[in-house]
PDB file of N, CA and C in Angstrom:
ATOM      1  N   MET A   1      -5.927 -28.867  -7.484  1.00  0.00           N
ATOM      2  CA  MET A   1      -5.275 -29.584  -6.251  1.00  0.00           C
ATOM      3  C   MET A   1      -3.791 -28.698  -6.415  1.00  0.00           C
ATOM      4  N   ALA A   2      -3.484 -28.283  -7.669  1.00  0.00           N
ATOM      5  CA  ALA A   2      -2.136 -27.692  -7.968  1.00  0.00           C
ATOM      6  C   ALA A   2      -2.044 -26.318  -7.832  1.00  0.00           C
ATOM      7  N   ALA A   3      -3.564 -25.690  -7.892  1.00  0.00           N
ATOM      8  CA  ALA A   3      -3.248 -24.133  -7.382  1.00  0.00           C
ATOM      9  C   ALA A   3      -3.560 -24.051  -6.046  1.00  0.00           C
ATOM     10  N   LEU A   4      -4.066 -25.164  -5.502  1.00  0.00           N
ATOM     11  CA  LEU A   4      -4.306 -24.554  -4.028  1.00  0.00           C
ATOM     12  C   LEU A   4      -3.290 -25.197  -3.359  1.00  0.00           C
ATOM     13  N   ALA A   5      -1.609 -25.777  -3.835  1.00  0.00           N
ATOM     14  CA  ALA A   5      -0.640 -26.248  -3.596  1.00  0.00           C
ATOM     15  C   ALA A   5      -0.039 -24.601  -4.121  1.00  0.00           C
ATOM     16  N   ALA A   6      -0.343 -23.932  -5.301  1.00  0.00           N
ATOM     17  CA  ALA A   6       1.082 -22.994  -5.137  1.00  0.00           C
ATOM     18  C   ALA A   6       0.312 -22.037  -4.236  1.00  0.00           C
ATOM     19  N   ALA A   7      -1.325 -21.564  -3.849  1.00  0.00           N
ATOM     20  CA  ALA A   7      -1.594 -20.513  -3.142  1.00  0.00           C
ATOM     21  C   ALA A   7      -1.121 -20.567  -2.279  1.00  0.00           C
ATOM     22  N   ALA A   8      -1.556 -22.602  -1.278  1.00  0.00           N
ATOM     23  CA  ALA A   8      -0.792 -22.610  -0.345  1.00  0.00           C
ATOM     24  C   ALA A   8       0.932 -21.621  -0.037  1.00  0.00           C
ATOM     25  N   ILE A   9       1.808 -21.789  -0.650  1.00  0.00           N
ATOM     26  CA  ILE A   9       3.158 -21.700  -1.196  1.00  0.00           C
ATOM     27  C   ILE A   9       3.273 -20.342  -1.215  1.00  0.00           C
ATOM     28  N   SER A  10       2.644 -19.394  -1.605  1.00  0.00           N
ATOM     29  CA  SER A  10       2.487 -18.211  -2.228  1.00  0.00           C
ATOM     30  C   SER A  10       2.184 -17.702  -0.860  1.00  0.00           C
ATOM     31  N   LEU A  11       1.501 -18.027   0.291  1.00  0.00           N
ATOM     32  CA  LEU A  11       1.207 -17.572   0.950  1.00  0.00           C
ATOM     33  C   LEU A  11       1.933 -17.439   2.375  1.00  0.00           C
ATOM     34  N   VAL A  12       2.381 -18.406   2.511  1.00  0.00           N
ATOM     35  CA  VAL A  12       3.777 -19.300   3.082  1.00  0.00           C
ATOM     36  C   VAL A  12       4.788 -18.160   2.882  1.00  0.00           C
ATOM     37  N   TYR A  13       5.134 -17.839   1.780  1.00  0.00           N
ATOM     38  CA  TYR A  13       6.193 -17.320   1.339  1.00  0.00           C
ATOM     39  C   TYR A  13       5.885 -16.233   1.849  1.00  0.00           C
ATOM     40  N   LEU A  14       4.593 -15.011   1.604  1.00  0.00           N
ATOM     41  CA  LEU A  14       4.577 -13.700   2.007  1.00  0.00           C
ATOM     42  C   LEU A  14       4.707 -13.867   3.534  1.00  0.00           C
ATOM     43  N   GLN A  15       4.450 -14.576   4.504  1.00  0.00           N
ATOM     44  CA  GLN A  15       4.451 -14.773   5.526  1.00  0.00           C
ATOM     45  C   GLN A  15       6.181 -14.370   5.879  1.00  0.00           C
ATOM     46  N   ALA A  16       6.389 -15.556   5.172  1.00  0.00           N
ATOM     47  CA  ALA A  16       8.357 -15.426   5.970  1.00  0.00           C
ATOM     48  C   ALA A  16       8.911 -14.011   5.062  1.00  0.00           C
ATOM     49  N   SER A  17       8.460 -14.029   3.663  1.00  0.00           N
ATOM     50  CA  SER A  17       9.393 -12.139   3.662  1.00  0.00           C
ATOM     51  C   SER A  17       8.415 -11.242   4.517  1.00  0.00           C
ATOM     52  N   GLY A  18       8.123 -10.993   5.448  1.00  0.00           N
ATOM     53  CA  GLY A  18       6.959  -9.800   5.796  1.00  0.00           C
ATOM     54  C   GLY A  18       6.977  -9.271   5.875  1.00  0.00           C
ATOM     55  N   ILE A  19       5.968  -9.640   4.269  1.00  0.00           N
ATOM     56  CA  ILE A  19       5.220  -8.815   3.395  1.00  0.00           C
ATOM     57  C   ILE A  19       3.437  -8.983   4.184  1.00  0.00           C
ATOM     58  N   SER A  20       2.906  -7.838   4.249  1.00  0.00           N
ATOM     59  CA  SER A  20       0.985  -8.950   4.441  1.00  0.00           C
ATOM     60  C   SER A  20       0.403  -7.820   3.932  1.00  0.00           C
ATOM     61  N   GLY A  21      -0.911  -8.026   3.908  1.00  0.00           N
ATOM     62  CA  GLY A  21      -1.967  -7.153   3.311  1.00  0.00           C
ATOM     63  C   GLY A  21      -2.065  -5.954   3.788  1.00  0.00           C
ATOM     64  N   VAL A  22      -3.270  -5.451   3.020  1.00  0.00           N
ATOM     65  CA  VAL A  22      -3.104  -3.642   2.796  1.00  0.00           C
ATOM     66  C   VAL A  22      -4.615  -3.374   4.229  1.00  0.00           C
ATOM     67  N   PRO A  23      -3.652  -2.563   5.432  1.00  0.00           N
ATOM     68  CA  PRO A  23      -4.507  -1.981   6.803  1.00  0.00           C
ATOM     69  C   PRO A  23      -5.624  -1.402   6.122  1.00  0.00           C
ATOM     70  N   ASP A  24      -6.913  -2.106   7.163  1.00  0.00           N
ATOM     71  CA  ASP A  24      -7.809  -1.393   7.238  1.00  0.00           C
ATOM     72  C   ASP A  24      -7.714  -0.023   7.072  1.00  0.00           C
ATOM     73  N   ARG A  25      -7.087   0.458   8.406  1.00  0.00           N
ATOM     74  CA  ARG A  25      -7.198   1.302   9.496  1.00  0.00           C
ATOM     75  C   ARG A  25      -6.155   2.349   8.728  1.00  0.00           C
ATOM     76  N   THR A  26      -6.968   3.757   8.044  1.00  0.00           N
ATOM     77  CA  THR A  26      -6.988   5.034   7.368  1.00  0.00           C
ATOM     78  C   THR A  26      -6.280   6.044   8.338  1.00  0.00           C
ATOM     79  N   THR A  27      -5.654   6.758   7.464  1.00  0.00           N
ATOM     80  CA  THR A  27      -4.973   8.480   7.758  1.00  0.00           C
ATOM     81  C   THR A  27      -4.542   9.450   6.386  1.00  0.00           C
ATOM     82  N   THR A  28      -4.535  10.276   7.098  1.00  0.00           N
ATOM     83  CA  THR A  28      -4.327  11.294   6.144  1.00  0.00           C
ATOM     84  C   THR A  28      -2.257  11.173   6.115  1.00  0.00           C
ATOM     85  N   ALA A  29      -2.372  11.200   4.893  1.00  0.00           N
ATOM     86  CA  ALA A  29      -0.864  12.028   4.556  1.00  0.00           C
ATOM     87  C   ALA A  29      -0.742  13.031   3.541  1.00  0.00           C
ATOM     88  N   HIS A  30       0.739  13.534   2.894  1.00  0.00           N
ATOM     89  CA  HIS A  30       0.738  14.763   2.225  1.00  0.00           C
ATOM     90  C   HIS A  30       2.123  14.126   1.898  1.00  0.00           C
ATOM     91  N   VAL A  31       2.277  14.457   0.381  1.00  0.00           N
ATOM     92  CA  VAL A  31       2.433  14.223  -0.228  1.00  0.00           C
ATOM     93  C   VAL A  31       3.942  14.727  -0.152  1.00  0.00           C
ATOM     94  N   GLN A  32       5.368  14.517  -0.402  1.00  0.00           N
ATOM     95  CA  GLN A  32       6.398  14.897   0.040  1.00  0.00           C
ATOM     96  C   GLN A  32       6.881  15.467  -1.591  1.00  0.00           C
ATOM     97  N   VAL A  33       7.766  16.642  -1.949  1.00  0.00           N
ATOM     98  CA  VAL A  33       8.688  16.427  -3.337  1.00  0.00           C
ATOM     99  C   VAL A  33       8.988  15.645  -3.824  1.00  0.00           C
ATOM    100  N   GLY A  34       8.519  15.480  -4.440  1.00  0.00           N
ATOM    101  CA  GLY A  34       9.189  13.988  -5.634  1.00  0.00           C
ATOM    102  C   GLY A  34       8.911  12.947  -5.402  1.00  0.00           C
ATOM    103  N   GLU A  35       7.908  13.124  -4.544  1.00  0.00           N
ATOM    104  CA  GLU A  35       7.276  11.529  -4.137  1.00  0.00           C
ATOM    105  C   GLU A  35       6.436  10.862  -5.238  1.00  0.00           C
ATOM    106  N   THR A  36       6.315   9.691  -5.114  1.00  0.00           N
ATOM    107  CA  THR A  36       5.163   9.005  -6.017  1.00  0.00           C
ATOM    108  C   THR A  36       4.411   8.343  -5.220  1.00  0.00           C
ATOM    109  N   LEU A  37       3.264   7.905  -6.090  1.00  0.00           N
ATOM    110  CA  LEU A  37       2.545   7.772  -5.181  1.00  0.00           C
ATOM    111  C   LEU A  37       2.658   5.898  -3.919  1.00  0.00           C
ATOM    112  N   ARG A  38       3.384   5.207  -5.441  1.00  0.00           N
ATOM    113  CA  ARG A  38       3.980   4.175  -4.342  1.00  0.00           C
ATOM    114  C   ARG A  38       5.482   4.651  -3.070  1.00  0.00           C
ATOM    115  N   ASP A  39       5.974   6.005  -3.447  1.00  0.00           N
ATOM    116  CA  ASP A  39       6.214   6.281  -2.832  1.00  0.00           C
ATOM    117  C   ASP A  39       5.674   6.861  -1.305  1.00  0.00           C
ATOM    118  N   VAL A  40       4.270   7.206  -1.506  1.00  0.00           N
ATOM    119  CA  VAL A  40       3.596   7.697  -0.088  1.00  0.00           C
ATOM    120  C   VAL A  40       3.409   6.164   0.220  1.00  0.00           C
ATOM    121  N   ALA A  41       2.724   5.279  -0.555  1.00  0.00           N
ATOM    122  CA  ALA A  41       2.212   4.157  -0.063  1.00  0.00           C
ATOM    123  C   ALA A  41       3.423   2.832   1.152  1.00  0.00           C
ATOM    124  N   GLU A  42       4.180   3.036   0.302  1.00  0.00           N
ATOM    125  CA  GLU A  42       5.886   2.438   1.065  1.00  0.00           C
ATOM    126  C   GLU A  42       5.802   3.357   2.367  1.00  0.00           C
ATOM    127  N   ARG A  43       5.674   4.596   2.610  1.00  0.00           N
ATOM    128  CA  ARG A  43       5.945   4.853   4.016  1.00  0.00           C
ATOM    129  C   ARG A  43       4.393   5.224   4.480  1.00  0.00           C
ATOM    130  N   SER A  44       3.563   5.089   4.151  1.00  0.00           N
ATOM    131  CA  SER A  44       2.654   5.236   4.725  1.00  0.00           C
ATOM    132  C   SER A  44       2.139   3.078   5.787  1.00  0.00           C
ATOM    133  N   ALA A  45       2.842   2.398   4.991  1.00  0.00           N
ATOM    134  CA  ALA A  45       2.206   1.252   4.984  1.00  0.00           C
ATOM    135  C   ALA A  45       3.799   0.090   5.070  1.00  0.00           C
ATOM    136  N   PRO A  46       4.637   0.705   5.927  1.00  0.00           N
ATOM    137  CA  PRO A  46       5.922  -0.222   5.426  1.00  0.00           C
ATOM    138  C   PRO A  46       5.342  -2.120   5.829  1.00  0.00           C
ATOM    139  N   GLY A  47       6.269  -2.622   5.526  1.00  0.00           N
ATOM    140  CA  GLY A  47       6.218  -4.082   5.383  1.00  0.00           C
ATOM    141  C   GLY A  47       4.586  -4.504   4.719  1.00  0.00           C
ATOM    142  N   SER A  48       4.163  -3.982   4.019  1.00  0.00           N
ATOM    143  CA  SER A  48       3.111  -4.187   2.910  1.00  0.00           C
ATOM    144  C   SER A  48       3.395  -4.119   2.040  1.00  0.00           C
ATOM    145  N   ASP A  49       2.222  -5.061   1.029  1.00  0.00           N
ATOM    146  CA  ASP A  49       3.176  -5.369  -0.590  1.00  0.00           C
ATOM    147  C   ASP A  49       2.586  -3.264  -0.782  1.00  0.00           C
ATOM    148  N   PRO A  50       3.716  -2.956  -1.874  1.00  0.00           N
ATOM    149  CA  PRO A  50       4.032  -1.466  -1.718  1.00  0.00           C
ATOM    150  C   PRO A  50       2.332  -1.197  -3.447  1.00  0.00           C
ATOM    151  N   GLU A  51       2.376  -1.718  -3.954  1.00  0.00           N
ATOM    152  CA  GLU A  51       1.833  -2.018  -5.463  1.00  0.00           C
ATOM    153  C   GLU A  51       0.219  -1.795  -5.063  1.00  0.00           C
ATOM    154  N   ALA A  52      -0.274  -3.124  -4.118  1.00  0.00           N
ATOM    155  CA  ALA A  52      -1.608  -2.969  -3.632  1.00  0.00           C
ATOM    156  C   ALA A  52      -1.748  -2.195  -2.581  1.00  0.00           C
ATOM    157  N   VAL A  53      -1.025  -1.424  -1.662  1.00  0.00           N
ATOM    158  CA  VAL A  53      -1.404  -0.680  -0.991  1.00  0.00           C
ATOM    159  C   VAL A  53      -1.563   0.926  -1.645  1.00  0.00           C
ATOM    160  N   ALA A  54      -0.284   1.013  -2.843  1.00  0.00           N
ATOM    161  CA  ALA A  54      -0.939   2.619  -4.298  1.00  0.00           C
ATOM    162  C   ALA A  54      -2.501   2.293  -4.634  1.00  0.00           C
ATOM    163  N   GLU A  55      -2.578   1.010  -4.984  1.00  0.00           N
ATOM    164  CA  GLU A  55      -4.191   0.319  -5.337  1.00  0.00           C
ATOM    165  C   GLU A  55      -4.949   1.168  -4.683  1.00  0.00           C
ATOM    166  N   ARG A  56      -4.962   0.744  -3.327  1.00  0.00           N
ATOM    167  CA  ARG A  56      -5.631   1.281  -2.386  1.00  0.00           C
ATOM    168  C   ARG A  56      -5.616   2.427  -1.871  1.00  0.00           C
ATOM    169  N   ILE A  57      -4.421   3.097  -1.839  1.00  0.00           N
ATOM    170  CA  ILE A  57      -4.682   4.612  -1.763  1.00  0.00           C
ATOM    171  C   ILE A  57      -5.027   5.058  -2.940  1.00  0.00           C
ATOM    172  N   SER A  58      -5.004   5.120  -4.436  1.00  0.00           N
ATOM    173  CA  SER A  58      -5.739   5.222  -5.086  1.00  0.00           C
ATOM    174  C   SER A  58      -7.450   5.373  -5.110  1.00  0.00           C
ATOM    175  N   GLU A  59      -7.999   4.042  -4.928  1.00  0.00           N
ATOM    176  CA  GLU A  59      -9.227   3.961  -4.798  1.00  0.00           C
ATOM    177  C   GLU A  59      -9.926   4.271  -4.015  1.00  0.00           C
ATOM    178  N   LEU A  60      -9.282   5.175  -2.991  1.00  0.00           N
ATOM    179  CA  LEU A  60      -9.796   5.496  -1.662  1.00  0.00           C
ATOM    180  C   LEU A  60      -9.762   7.435  -1.954  1.00  0.00           C
ATOM    181  N   ASN A  61      -8.929   7.666  -3.169  1.00  0.00           N
ATOM    182  CA  ASN A  61      -8.907   9.094  -3.761  1.00  0.00           C
ATOM    183  C   ASN A  61      -9.692   9.139  -4.146  1.00  0.00           C
ATOM    184  N   GLY A  62     -10.032   8.444  -5.372  1.00  0.00           N
ATOM    185  CA  GLY A  62     -11.002   8.533  -6.950  1.00  0.00           C
ATOM    186  C   GLY A  62      -9.399   9.097  -7.586  1.00  0.00           C
ATOM    187  N   LEU A  63      -8.117   8.508  -7.274  1.00  0.00           N
ATOM    188  CA  LEU A  63      -7.127   9.137  -8.248  1.00  0.00           C
ATOM    189  C   LEU A  63      -7.149   8.345  -9.921  1.00  0.00           C
ATOM    190  N   GLY A  64      -7.472   7.118 -10.322  1.00  0.00           N
ATOM    191  CA  GLY A  64      -7.982   6.098 -11.541  1.00  0.00           C
ATOM    192  C   GLY A  64      -6.661   5.631 -11.495  1.00  0.00           C
ATOM    193  N   GLY A  65      -5.913   4.825 -10.731  1.00  0.00           N
ATOM    194  CA  GLY A  65      -4.963   4.250 -10.629  1.00  0.00           C
ATOM    195  C   GLY A  65      -3.821   3.916  -9.426  1.00  0.00           C
ATOM    196  N   PRO A  66      -2.716   2.883  -9.450  1.00  0.00           N
ATOM    197  CA  PRO A  66      -1.443   3.224  -9.036  1.00  0.00           C
ATOM    198  C   PRO A  66      -0.781   4.454  -9.806  1.00  0.00           C
ATOM    199  N   ASP A  67      -1.578   4.321 -10.631  1.00  0.00           N
ATOM    200  CA  ASP A  67       0.219   5.186 -12.007  1.00  0.00           C
ATOM    201  C   ASP A  67      -0.301   6.812 -11.549  1.00  0.00           C
ATOM    202  N   ALA A  68      -1.080   6.577 -10.406  1.00  0.00           N
ATOM    203  CA  ALA A  68      -1.698   8.696 -10.948  1.00  0.00           C
ATOM    204  C   ALA A  68      -0.904   9.536 -10.202  1.00  0.00           C
ATOM    205  N   VAL A  69      -0.370  10.553 -10.809  1.00  0.00           N
ATOM    206  CA  VAL A  69       0.321  11.775 -10.821  1.00  0.00           C
ATOM    207  C   VAL A  69      -0.378  12.488  -9.351  1.00  0.00           C
ATOM    208  N   VAL A  70       0.537  12.339  -8.353  1.00  0.00           N
ATOM    209  CA  VAL A  70       0.677  12.856  -7.742  1.00  0.00           C
ATOM    210  C   VAL A  70       1.320  14.454  -7.179  1.00  0.00           C
ATOM    211  N   ARG A  71       1.013  15.033  -6.405  1.00  0.00           N
ATOM    212  CA  ARG A  71       1.621  16.541  -6.249  1.00  0.00           C
ATOM    213  C   ARG A  71       2.129  16.816  -5.590  1.00  0.00           C
ATOM    214  N   PRO A  72       3.569  17.673  -4.733  1.00  0.00           N
ATOM    215  CA  PRO A  72       3.770  18.218  -3.328  1.00  0.00           C
ATOM    216  C   PRO A  72       2.550  18.660  -2.350  1.00  0.00           C
ATOM    217  N   GLY A  73       2.609  18.413  -1.208  1.00  0.00           N
ATOM    218  CA  GLY A  73       1.419  18.934  -0.208  1.00  0.00           C
ATOM    219  C   GLY A  73      -0.026  18.575  -0.824  1.00  0.00           C
ATOM    220  N   GLN A  74       0.034  17.502  -1.587  1.00  0.00           N
ATOM    221  CA  GLN A  74      -1.655  16.844  -1.656  1.00  0.00           C
ATOM    222  C   GLN A  74      -2.009  16.313  -0.305  1.00  0.00           C
ATOM    223  N   ALA A  75      -3.352  16.192  -0.082  1.00  0.00           N
ATOM    224  CA  ALA A  75      -3.558  15.730   1.364  1.00  0.00           C
ATOM    225  C   ALA A  75      -3.915  14.269   0.340  1.00  0.00           C
ATOM    226  N   LEU A  76      -3.826  13.221   1.370  1.00  0.00           N
ATOM    227  CA  LEU A  76      -3.513  11.781   0.573  1.00  0.00           C
ATOM    228  C   LEU A  76      -4.853  10.833   1.623  1.00  0.00           C
ATOM    229  N   THR A  77      -5.769   9.937   1.404  1.00  0.00           N
ATOM    230  CA  THR A  77      -6.249   9.141   2.428  1.00  0.00           C
ATOM    231  C   THR A  77      -5.637   8.174   2.128  1.00  0.00           C
ATOM    232  N   VAL A  78      -4.829   7.305   3.362  1.00  0.00           N
ATOM    233  CA  VAL A  78      -3.816   6.652   3.093  1.00  0.00           C
ATOM    234  C   VAL A  78      -4.032   5.134   3.868  1.00  0.00           C
ATOM    235  N   PRO A  79      -3.879   4.187   3.620  1.00  0.00           N
ATOM    236  CA  PRO A  79      -3.704   2.666   4.483  1.00  0.00           C
ATOM    237  C   PRO A  79      -2.883   3.409   5.930  1.00  0.00           C
ATOM    238  N   ASP A  80      -3.069   2.892   7.011  1.00  0.00           N
ATOM    239  CA  ASP A  80      -2.337   3.278   8.234  1.00  0.00           C
ATOM    240  C   ASP A  80      -1.848   2.344   8.647  1.00  0.00           C
ATOM    241  N   GLY A  81      -0.347   1.870   8.145  1.00  0.00           N
ATOM    242  CA  GLY A  81      -0.305   0.894   8.155  1.00  0.00           C
ATOM    243  C   GLY A  81       1.476   1.058   9.477  1.00  0.00           C
ATOM    244  N   LEU A  82       1.378   1.918  10.024  1.00  0.00           N
ATOM    245  CA  LEU A  82       2.243   2.490  11.450  1.00  0.00           C
ATOM    246  C   LEU A  82       1.662   1.873  12.224  1.00  0.00           C
ATOM    247  N   PRO A  83       2.696   1.498  13.056  1.00  0.00           N
ATOM    248  CA  PRO A  83       2.092   0.856  15.203  1.00  0.00           C
ATOM    249  C   PRO A  83       1.504   2.260  15.800  1.00  0.00           C
ATOM    250  N   ALA A  84       0.452   1.869  16.239  1.00  0.00           N
ATOM    251  CA  ALA A  84      -0.080   2.734  17.289  1.00  0.00           C
ATOM    252  C   ALA A  84       0.748   3.637  18.155  1.00  0.00           C
ATOM    253  N   PRO A  85       0.384   5.274  18.451  1.00  0.00           N
ATOM    254  CA  PRO A  85       1.662   5.247  19.299  1.00  0.00           C
ATOM    255  C   PRO A  85       1.101   4.816  20.312  1.00  0.00           C
TER     256      PRO A  85
END
């Protein structure tokens, strides 16, 4: 019962803080000079948990984890958290 209450409180906190889940829709992003995978995650899905987005980018691109090294110009499939035009 306590675990359920803790989960409910966490969900309310995440909703109140504006942090949302990882978007299902994807797009292609290119790594900019000096960016890490987390930077790409923050840019591609603002408002989402950057660690979760970085993990999803890693999965989508077979990178071996959210701490994988990326290089400038590298094309990555990323969750698309930007508003549709």
